[in-house]
Amino acid sequence: MAPLSGMSELTVEALVEQVLARNPSLAQMAAAYDAAAARSPQVSSLDDPLVGTTLAPGALGSRPDGYRVEVFQRFPFPGKLSLKGEVARAEASAAGRDVEGMRQQLTEAARDSFYEYYLVARATAVNEEILKLLRSSKTTAEDLYKTGRVKQQDVLVLDVEIGRRRNRSVLLDRQRRVAVARMNALLHQPPDTPLPPPPKEVKVEGDLPDPNALRDQALSQRLDLLALTDRIAGAQAALQLAHREYYPDFDVMGAYDSFWDNSGQRLQAGVRINLPIRLTRRGAAVAEAQARLAELQAQFARQQDQAGFEVQQAYEQWRESLLTVRLFESEVLPAARLSVKSAQTGYQTGDASLLVLLETQRNLADLQDQYYQATAEFFRRRTVVQRALTGSPSTSPLPMPPERPMPGQPGSPTGMSRQ
């Protein structure tokens, strides 16, 4: 059974929950993190001990004392292994940020596809509403034609306009199927799997938060900044490790040598160290580690500035959408509906022409499309604000749609053709 099949109406929360549970991209990133986390025990443990033996030719014959057995274990200078573990853990922690980043990307893709689905459904409803108005106007025109008050041209013009609207229904049905296929791809199921219908209305409620608080929040929780913090910690450990390379490592040896006639000398122990005299190589390693640390610190400072800009930019776009929605709700749409009613009455009484009636109906359709577009953009831009707060990459596991033209513009998914 499909995960959302039992719902009477699709919600954005349910879609996001199922996408996070089913999309394989998250499992892919989690596996990458597990691989990175498994690196630390490998680099922070001792090398395997070495066992060797020496045999004299006589040991293969009757003499039992012609052999030597040795065991070696290398011990790095104190602190080297722990620093290697710190570097690996820092990289693993940064990789863990990528897992959360993928969660944010999937959430953004799911929300965007949901509002695209909602927008197509609302455009379809607007188209059906205008079709109903056009058919009502055609009935009026036919009655007026029978009484000789208008010409047959009015009826024919309305037939053409109705045909255009029916053709638009075909276009919107195709867009609905594509939106469903996109959500199914995110849900990791066949593209033609049926989904519950979107809600009939999503409300824009409440006020926007303070942008200063949002910027402060971004600086404390953005994933890119946290990942850079992890990598800076790793670079600092790597710099300390480069300094430790000036100190020697130790090989501890234990042996039993049967070549010695004195049995008290057969058990032996020894230590050897490397001589860290290649100072040019070690100095270059320190310089490289210092440069890498400076690069990450500068990148962190630059990314902080970028974070503040991204939050402010996303906030201003979000605010614009809120003001647009409020304007349409309080002024534009009520005036457009009154204009249609007035034109209908005027056409029936002969005070308004058919062209005036059609223009008011077209305007109403366009404005309703723009209203739903602005509503969907409000929630899309809220998701962009959330991305700016978390700092997850702007790329998506699936191709994101291009910037959508406003209704009435060429290429608009909800615009009205005026050919």
Protein backbone atom coordinates (compact mmCIF):
# COMPACT_ATOMS: atom_id res chain seq x y z
CA MET A 1 0.00 0.00 0.00
CA ALA A 2 1.27 3.49 -0.86
CA PRO A 3 2.33 5.42 2.28
CA LEU A 4 -0.19 8.27 1.80
CA SER A 5 -3.05 6.33 0.25
CA GLY A 6 -5.30 6.42 3.33
CA MET A 7 -5.43 10.22 3.58
CA SER A 8 -8.44 12.19 2.36
CA GLU A 9 -6.28 15.30 1.90
CA LEU A 10 -2.52 15.59 1.54
CA THR A 11 -0.65 17.73 4.06
CA VAL A 12 2.85 19.09 3.72
CA GLU A 13 3.83 17.60 7.08
CA ALA A 14 2.79 14.10 6.04
CA LEU A 15 4.62 14.40 2.73
CA VAL A 16 7.85 15.57 4.39
CA GLU A 17 7.65 12.76 6.97
CA GLN A 18 7.27 10.08 4.30
CA VAL A 19 9.99 11.54 2.07
CA LEU A 20 12.47 11.51 4.97
CA ALA A 21 11.48 7.94 5.80
CA ARG A 22 11.60 6.54 2.27
CA ASN A 23 14.03 8.52 0.11
CA PRO A 24 17.31 6.61 -0.40
CA SER A 25 19.42 9.78 -0.49
CA LEU A 26 19.34 10.05 3.30
CA ALA A 27 20.49 6.45 3.71
CA GLN A 28 23.32 7.18 1.28
CA MET A 29 24.56 10.13 3.34
CA ALA A 30 24.16 8.20 6.60
CA ALA A 31 26.33 5.42 5.19
CA ALA A 32 28.96 7.98 4.20
CA TYR A 33 28.94 9.31 7.76
CA ASP A 34 29.28 5.79 9.19
CA ALA A 35 32.27 5.24 6.94
CA ALA A 36 33.88 8.47 8.13
CA ALA A 37 33.15 7.65 11.78
CA ALA A 38 34.87 4.29 11.38
CA ARG A 39 38.08 6.05 10.39
CA SER A 40 39.04 7.28 13.86
CA PRO A 41 39.67 3.86 15.49
CA GLN A 42 41.85 2.92 12.54
CA VAL A 43 44.23 5.88 12.68
CA SER A 44 44.42 6.11 16.49
CA SER A 45 45.41 2.50 17.17
CA LEU A 46 48.91 1.00 17.27
CA ASP A 47 50.38 -0.78 14.29
CA ASP A 48 50.35 -4.54 14.41
CA PRO A 49 53.41 -6.04 16.13
CA LEU A 50 56.07 -7.72 14.00
CA VAL A 51 57.37 -11.21 14.72
CA GLY A 52 60.60 -12.48 13.19
CA THR A 53 62.94 -15.42 13.52
CA THR A 54 66.50 -16.27 12.55
CA LEU A 55 67.55 -19.88 11.94
CA ALA A 56 71.06 -21.28 11.72
CA PRO A 57 71.59 -24.22 9.35
CA GLY A 58 72.30 -26.45 12.30
CA ALA A 59 68.92 -25.71 13.85
CA LEU A 60 67.38 -27.81 11.10
CA GLY A 61 69.40 -30.77 12.23
CA SER A 62 70.16 -32.20 15.63
CA ARG A 63 71.14 -28.94 17.41
CA PRO A 64 68.17 -27.29 19.16
CA ASP A 65 69.93 -23.97 19.92
CA GLY A 66 70.47 -22.40 16.50
CA TYR A 67 67.60 -19.96 16.31
CA ARG A 68 66.47 -16.50 17.39
CA VAL A 69 62.85 -15.22 17.84
CA GLU A 70 62.03 -11.50 17.95
CA VAL A 71 58.88 -9.45 18.58
CA PHE A 72 58.70 -5.73 17.63
CA GLN A 73 56.07 -3.12 18.51
CA ARG A 74 56.19 0.50 17.35
CA PHE A 75 54.99 3.17 19.77
CA PRO A 76 54.57 6.66 18.28
CA PHE A 77 55.68 9.60 20.38
CA PRO A 78 53.05 10.32 23.07
CA GLY A 79 50.13 12.32 21.72
CA LYS A 80 50.51 11.44 18.03
CA LEU A 81 47.84 8.75 17.97
CA SER A 82 45.33 10.83 19.93
CA LEU A 83 45.88 13.76 17.56
CA LYS A 84 45.33 11.53 14.55
CA GLY A 85 42.07 10.41 16.19
CA GLU A 86 41.03 14.03 16.72
CA VAL A 87 41.59 14.82 13.05
CA ALA A 88 39.52 11.81 11.98
CA ARG A 89 36.72 12.57 14.45
CA ALA A 90 36.56 16.17 13.28
CA GLU A 91 36.18 15.03 9.66
CA ALA A 92 33.53 12.52 10.72
CA SER A 93 31.63 15.24 12.58
CA ALA A 94 31.74 17.42 9.47
CA ALA A 95 30.40 14.49 7.45
CA GLY A 96 27.61 14.16 10.00
CA ARG A 97 26.54 17.70 9.12
CA ASP A 98 26.08 16.47 5.56
CA VAL A 99 23.48 13.98 6.79
CA GLU A 100 21.45 16.77 8.36
CA GLY A 101 22.05 18.83 5.24
CA MET A 102 20.52 16.09 3.14
CA ARG A 103 17.51 16.04 5.48
CA GLN A 104 17.10 19.76 4.87
CA GLN A 105 17.41 19.30 1.10
CA LEU A 106 14.79 16.55 1.06
CA THR A 107 12.50 18.65 3.25
CA GLU A 108 12.87 21.61 0.91
CA ALA A 109 12.25 19.47 -2.18
CA ALA A 110 9.16 17.90 -0.58
CA ARG A 111 7.72 21.26 0.45
CA ASP A 112 8.37 22.78 -2.97
CA SER A 113 6.71 19.86 -4.77
CA PHE A 114 3.73 20.03 -2.37
CA TYR A 115 3.08 23.72 -3.10
CA GLU A 116 3.51 23.12 -6.82
CA TYR A 117 0.84 20.41 -6.51
CA TYR A 118 -1.35 22.81 -4.51
CA LEU A 119 -0.83 25.62 -7.01
CA VAL A 120 -1.87 23.47 -9.99
CA ALA A 121 -4.98 22.35 -8.11
CA ARG A 122 -5.93 25.95 -7.31
CA ALA A 123 -5.31 27.00 -10.92
CA THR A 124 -7.61 24.18 -12.01
CA ALA A 125 -10.30 25.38 -9.59
CA VAL A 126 -9.95 28.96 -10.89
CA ASN A 127 -10.24 27.71 -14.45
CA GLU A 128 -13.39 25.77 -13.60
CA GLU A 129 -14.84 28.83 -11.88
CA ILE A 130 -14.21 30.98 -14.96
CA LEU A 131 -15.65 28.27 -17.19
CA LYS A 132 -18.79 28.37 -15.09
CA LEU A 133 -18.96 32.16 -15.48
CA LEU A 134 -18.42 31.91 -19.24
CA ARG A 135 -21.15 29.30 -19.64
CA SER A 136 -23.49 31.47 -17.61
CA SER A 137 -22.59 34.44 -19.81
CA LYS A 138 -23.21 32.33 -22.92
CA THR A 139 -26.68 31.44 -21.65
CA THR A 140 -27.37 35.13 -21.10
CA ALA A 141 -26.04 35.98 -24.57
CA GLU A 142 -28.24 33.31 -26.18
CA ASP A 143 -31.31 34.69 -24.43
CA LEU A 144 -30.45 38.23 -25.50
CA TYR A 145 -29.77 37.05 -29.06
CA LYS A 146 -33.18 35.44 -29.24
CA THR A 147 -34.76 38.75 -28.35
CA GLY A 148 -32.57 40.60 -30.83
CA ARG A 149 -30.76 42.66 -28.22
CA VAL A 150 -27.26 41.34 -29.13
CA LYS A 151 -25.74 39.85 -32.23
CA GLN A 152 -24.85 36.20 -32.75
CA GLN A 153 -21.21 37.32 -32.65
CA ASP A 154 -21.43 37.52 -28.85
CA VAL A 155 -22.41 33.85 -28.61
CA LEU A 156 -19.60 32.81 -30.96
CA VAL A 157 -17.01 34.83 -29.06
CA LEU A 158 -18.06 33.13 -25.84
CA ASP A 159 -17.79 29.74 -27.53
CA VAL A 160 -14.18 30.55 -28.46
CA GLU A 161 -13.39 31.71 -24.93
CA ILE A 162 -14.90 28.53 -23.47
CA GLY A 163 -12.79 26.48 -25.87
CA ARG A 164 -9.65 28.21 -24.70
CA ARG A 165 -10.52 27.48 -21.11
CA ARG A 166 -11.15 23.81 -21.88
CA ASN A 167 -7.78 23.65 -23.59
CA ARG A 168 -6.26 25.14 -20.46
CA SER A 169 -7.80 22.30 -18.49
CA VAL A 170 -5.78 19.87 -20.59
CA LEU A 171 -2.58 21.82 -19.85
CA LEU A 172 -3.28 21.91 -16.12
CA ASP A 173 -3.99 18.19 -16.05
CA ARG A 174 -0.57 17.56 -17.57
CA GLN A 175 1.06 19.80 -14.95
CA ARG A 176 -0.81 17.97 -12.18
CA ARG A 177 0.51 14.61 -13.42
CA VAL A 178 4.06 15.96 -13.51
CA ALA A 179 3.71 17.30 -9.96
CA VAL A 180 2.46 13.91 -8.79
CA ALA A 181 5.38 12.18 -10.53
CA ARG A 182 7.86 14.48 -8.82
CA MET A 183 6.43 13.77 -5.37
CA ASN A 184 6.43 10.05 -6.09
CA ALA A 185 10.09 10.24 -7.10
CA LEU A 186 10.85 11.82 -3.72
CA LEU A 187 8.78 9.09 -2.06
CA HIS A 188 10.74 6.37 -3.92
CA GLN A 189 7.67 4.86 -5.57
CA PRO A 190 6.34 4.57 -9.15
CA PRO A 191 5.67 7.99 -10.74
CA ASP A 192 2.01 7.27 -11.48
CA THR A 193 1.11 6.18 -7.93
CA PRO A 194 -2.10 8.02 -6.93
CA LEU A 195 -1.77 10.62 -4.20
CA PRO A 196 -4.41 12.30 -2.03
CA PRO A 197 -5.66 15.68 -3.31
CA PRO A 198 -4.02 18.82 -1.92
CA PRO A 199 -5.92 21.03 0.52
CA LYS A 200 -8.41 23.47 -0.94
CA GLU A 201 -6.79 26.35 0.89
CA VAL A 202 -3.62 27.11 2.82
CA LYS A 203 -3.80 30.14 5.05
CA VAL A 204 -1.06 32.70 5.54
CA GLU A 205 -1.33 33.57 9.21
CA GLY A 206 0.69 35.38 11.84
CA ASP A 207 3.53 37.87 11.61
CA LEU A 208 7.13 37.42 10.56
CA PRO A 209 9.87 37.04 13.19
CA ASP A 210 12.50 39.68 13.85
CA PRO A 211 15.25 39.49 11.17
CA ASN A 212 17.95 40.32 13.75
CA ALA A 213 16.97 37.27 15.77
CA LEU A 214 17.02 35.19 12.60
CA ARG A 215 20.55 36.29 11.78
CA ASP A 216 21.74 35.43 15.29
CA GLN A 217 20.04 32.07 15.02
CA ALA A 218 21.75 31.36 11.71
CA LEU A 219 25.21 32.08 13.13
CA SER A 220 24.65 29.53 15.89
CA GLN A 221 23.08 26.67 13.94
CA ARG A 222 24.02 26.85 10.25
CA LEU A 223 25.35 23.51 9.12
CA ASP A 224 28.05 25.00 6.90
CA LEU A 225 29.40 27.04 9.82
CA LEU A 226 29.25 24.04 12.16
CA ALA A 227 31.02 21.88 9.58
CA LEU A 228 33.71 24.55 9.21
CA THR A 229 34.06 24.63 12.99
CA ASP A 230 34.63 20.87 12.92
CA ARG A 231 37.20 21.18 10.15
CA ILE A 232 38.99 24.02 11.96
CA ALA A 233 39.24 21.79 15.04
CA GLY A 234 40.63 19.04 12.81
CA ALA A 235 43.11 21.47 11.22
CA GLN A 236 44.27 22.60 14.66
CA ALA A 237 44.86 18.97 15.66
CA ALA A 238 46.67 18.39 12.36
CA LEU A 239 48.95 21.36 13.10
CA GLN A 240 49.79 19.96 16.53
CA LEU A 241 50.46 16.61 14.91
CA ALA A 242 52.83 18.24 12.41
CA HIS A 243 54.79 19.73 15.32
CA ARG A 244 54.90 16.31 17.02
CA GLU A 245 56.64 14.89 13.95
CA TYR A 246 59.82 16.57 15.21
CA TYR A 247 59.85 13.96 17.99
CA PRO A 248 60.93 10.35 17.46
CA ASP A 249 58.86 7.19 17.50
CA PHE A 250 59.95 4.11 19.45
CA ASP A 251 60.32 0.46 18.48
CA VAL A 252 60.27 -1.85 21.49
CA MET A 253 61.78 -5.27 20.93
CA GLY A 254 61.74 -8.51 22.89
CA ALA A 255 63.77 -11.54 21.77
CA TYR A 256 64.91 -15.01 22.71
CA ASP A 257 68.34 -15.85 21.25
CA SER A 258 69.42 -19.46 21.59
CA PHE A 259 72.79 -18.69 19.99
CA TRP A 260 74.08 -17.49 23.35
CA ASP A 261 75.77 -20.18 25.40
CA ASN A 262 74.95 -18.33 28.61
CA SER A 263 71.27 -19.00 29.24
CA GLY A 264 70.99 -15.74 31.19
CA GLN A 265 71.71 -13.78 28.04
CA ARG A 266 69.21 -15.50 25.79
CA LEU A 267 66.19 -13.35 26.84
CA GLN A 268 66.73 -9.83 25.46
CA ALA A 269 64.91 -6.51 25.29
CA GLY A 270 65.69 -3.43 23.22
CA VAL A 271 64.52 -0.04 22.07
CA ARG A 272 65.23 1.85 18.87
CA ILE A 273 64.08 5.25 17.67
CA ASN A 274 63.98 7.04 14.39
CA LEU A 275 66.07 10.18 14.07
CA PRO A 276 63.85 13.08 12.93
CA ILE A 277 66.63 14.92 11.13
CA ARG A 278 64.76 15.68 7.86
CA LEU A 279 63.84 19.14 9.08
CA THR A 280 62.96 20.55 5.66
CA ARG A 281 60.19 17.98 5.19
CA ARG A 282 58.83 18.52 8.68
CA GLY A 283 59.00 22.29 8.36
CA ALA A 284 57.03 22.11 5.11
CA ALA A 285 54.43 19.91 6.81
CA VAL A 286 54.01 22.49 9.59
CA ALA A 287 53.73 25.31 7.05
CA GLU A 288 51.10 23.36 5.10
CA ALA A 289 49.08 22.70 8.26
CA GLN A 290 49.29 26.38 9.26
CA ALA A 291 48.16 27.51 5.82
CA ARG A 292 45.28 25.04 5.83
CA LEU A 293 44.15 26.30 9.24
CA ALA A 294 44.38 29.94 8.12
CA GLU A 295 42.38 29.09 4.98
CA LEU A 296 39.58 27.50 7.01
CA GLN A 297 39.49 30.39 9.50
CA ALA A 298 39.22 32.91 6.68
CA GLN A 299 36.53 30.80 5.03
CA PHE A 300 34.62 30.72 8.31
CA ALA A 301 34.71 34.53 8.59
CA ARG A 302 33.59 34.92 4.98
CA GLN A 303 30.81 32.38 5.46
CA GLN A 304 29.53 34.27 8.50
CA ASP A 305 29.14 37.38 6.35
CA GLN A 306 27.45 35.33 3.64
CA ALA A 307 25.08 33.81 6.19
CA GLY A 308 23.92 37.22 7.33
CA PHE A 309 23.31 38.30 3.74
CA GLU A 310 21.42 35.11 2.82
CA VAL A 311 19.14 35.40 5.83
CA GLN A 312 18.36 39.06 5.13
CA GLN A 313 17.76 38.44 1.42
CA ALA A 314 15.47 35.46 2.09
CA TYR A 315 13.64 37.43 4.78
CA GLU A 316 12.94 40.38 2.45
CA GLN A 317 11.55 38.04 -0.23
CA TRP A 318 9.41 36.33 2.40
CA ARG A 319 8.15 39.69 3.64
CA GLU A 320 7.31 40.73 0.07
CA SER A 321 5.17 37.61 -0.36
CA LEU A 322 3.33 38.28 2.90
CA LEU A 323 2.51 41.86 1.90
CA THR A 324 1.36 40.69 -1.54
CA VAL A 325 -0.97 38.08 -0.06
CA ARG A 326 -2.43 40.59 2.40
CA LEU A 327 -3.01 43.12 -0.40
CA PHE A 328 -4.82 40.59 -2.57
CA GLU A 329 -6.99 39.38 0.31
CA SER A 330 -8.02 42.81 1.56
CA GLU A 331 -8.32 44.87 -1.63
CA VAL A 332 -7.56 43.35 -5.01
CA LEU A 333 -9.72 40.21 -5.10
CA PRO A 334 -12.84 41.76 -3.48
CA ALA A 335 -12.70 44.60 -6.02
CA ALA A 336 -12.23 42.16 -8.92
CA ARG A 337 -15.25 40.07 -7.87
CA LEU A 338 -17.41 43.17 -7.59
CA SER A 339 -16.25 44.24 -11.03
CA VAL A 340 -17.38 40.92 -12.53
CA LYS A 341 -20.79 41.17 -10.89
CA SER A 342 -21.20 44.71 -12.13
CA ALA A 343 -20.23 43.73 -15.68
CA GLN A 344 -22.65 40.78 -15.64
CA THR A 345 -25.49 43.03 -14.58
CA GLY A 346 -24.49 45.66 -17.13
CA TYR A 347 -24.37 43.11 -19.95
CA GLN A 348 -27.84 41.85 -19.09
CA THR A 349 -29.23 45.39 -19.11
CA GLY A 350 -27.29 46.49 -22.14
CA ASP A 351 -25.14 48.99 -20.25
CA ALA A 352 -21.91 47.01 -20.79
CA SER A 353 -20.52 45.26 -23.84
CA LEU A 354 -19.40 41.66 -24.07
CA LEU A 355 -15.79 42.81 -24.31
CA VAL A 356 -16.10 44.55 -20.94
CA LEU A 357 -17.60 41.42 -19.41
CA LEU A 358 -14.86 39.17 -20.82
CA GLU A 359 -12.14 41.55 -19.66
CA THR A 360 -13.43 41.59 -16.08
CA GLN A 361 -13.65 37.79 -16.06
CA ARG A 362 -10.13 37.49 -17.45
CA ASN A 363 -8.86 39.94 -14.86
CA LEU A 364 -10.51 37.97 -12.08
CA ALA A 365 -8.93 34.73 -13.31
CA ASP A 366 -5.49 36.34 -13.59
CA LEU A 367 -5.72 37.95 -10.17
CA GLN A 368 -6.89 34.75 -8.52
CA ASP A 369 -3.99 32.91 -10.15
CA GLN A 370 -1.61 35.58 -8.90
CA TYR A 371 -3.05 35.31 -5.40
CA TYR A 372 -2.52 31.57 -5.23
CA GLN A 373 0.92 32.03 -6.76
CA ALA A 374 1.79 34.55 -4.04
CA THR A 375 0.43 32.21 -1.37
CA ALA A 376 2.54 29.33 -2.64
CA GLU A 377 5.56 31.63 -2.92
CA PHE A 378 5.06 32.70 0.69
CA PHE A 379 5.53 29.12 1.87
CA ARG A 380 8.31 28.43 -0.62
CA ARG A 381 10.17 31.50 0.56
CA ARG A 382 9.66 30.48 4.16
CA THR A 383 11.46 27.27 3.22
CA VAL A 384 14.26 29.37 1.70
CA VAL A 385 14.51 31.26 5.00
CA GLN A 386 14.79 27.95 6.82
CA ARG A 387 17.56 26.93 4.42
CA ALA A 388 19.37 30.19 5.14
CA LEU A 389 19.07 29.48 8.87
CA THR A 390 20.45 25.95 8.56
CA GLY A 391 22.98 26.58 5.83
CA SER A 392 22.24 23.37 3.96
CA PRO A 393 23.29 23.37 0.30
CA SER A 394 20.81 24.91 -2.08
CA THR A 395 21.09 21.97 -4.47
CA SER A 396 18.40 19.32 -4.30
CA PRO A 397 18.38 15.52 -4.69
CA LEU A 398 16.01 16.07 -7.62
CA PRO A 399 16.13 18.89 -10.17
CA MET A 400 14.30 21.91 -8.84
CA PRO A 401 11.95 23.79 -11.17
CA PRO A 402 13.29 27.03 -12.64
CA GLU A 403 12.14 30.42 -11.46
CA ARG A 404 8.43 30.53 -12.22
CA PRO A 405 7.00 33.46 -14.22
CA MET A 406 4.06 35.23 -12.74
CA PRO A 407 0.60 34.40 -14.08
CA GLY A 408 -0.12 36.09 -17.35
CA GLN A 409 3.53 36.02 -18.42
CA PRO A 410 4.82 33.65 -21.13
CA GLY A 411 5.53 30.23 -19.70
CA SER A 412 3.46 30.75 -16.58
CA PRO A 413 1.94 27.52 -15.23
CA THR A 414 -1.15 29.42 -14.11
CA GLY A 415 -1.27 32.36 -16.51
CA MET A 416 -4.14 32.91 -18.89
CA SER A 417 -3.53 32.92 -22.61
CA ARG A 418 -4.80 35.97 -24.41
CA GLN A 419 -4.23 34.95 -27.95
